[in-house]
């Protein structure tokens, strides 16, 4: 029983550490993300309708190839508008890269009022492509803001973002956020441990 409790405790600690790290790394690159200058994943953020949120992402490449980056909102109700930034939600940017390449991108977004009194995660998906069959991915939940049903009274920046038309296919929707996957793994481990008792 003591050994099972230690295993469960260890799994919970690992899940918390993984979910709260501000960076993710694989053999092809490193990805870091921040929400309002706090490292990902930011879970304690409460925002009002039209309140600006700053999302910053830094990507470092360990390969020669190309990288695709997508800022994702996984819900069916689109809760945010992009005020400024390189793309809209669920559109991707592609970069041709060499080993040692790095790039920083910033988005300013605001809750638009279509979803309130609940959480609306902001996720990041990055795919490193060294060759067609040599691909590694990173997914991070940057923040999981709780959107209040209140209007923001401060100054909201005017939109400077003009969604560019592109011939690139749209990104895949419905990919689970990193935090969701970690939580599901923790629940599965807990179920397996309790079934053995």
Foldseek 3Di string as FASTA:
>chain_A
DVVLVVVLVVLVVVLVVVQADQWDDDPFWIKGKAKPNHRPPAEPAEEEALDKIKIKMKIATQAFAKKKKAWAWQDPQDFKAWQDWDATHQAIDMDGDHGGDMDMIMIIMGGHQSDAQAWTWIKMKMWDDRDPPDIDIDIHGRYTYHYHHDHDPDDHDGRPDDHDDDPDDTHDHNDDGPSVVSVVVSVVSVVVSVVVD
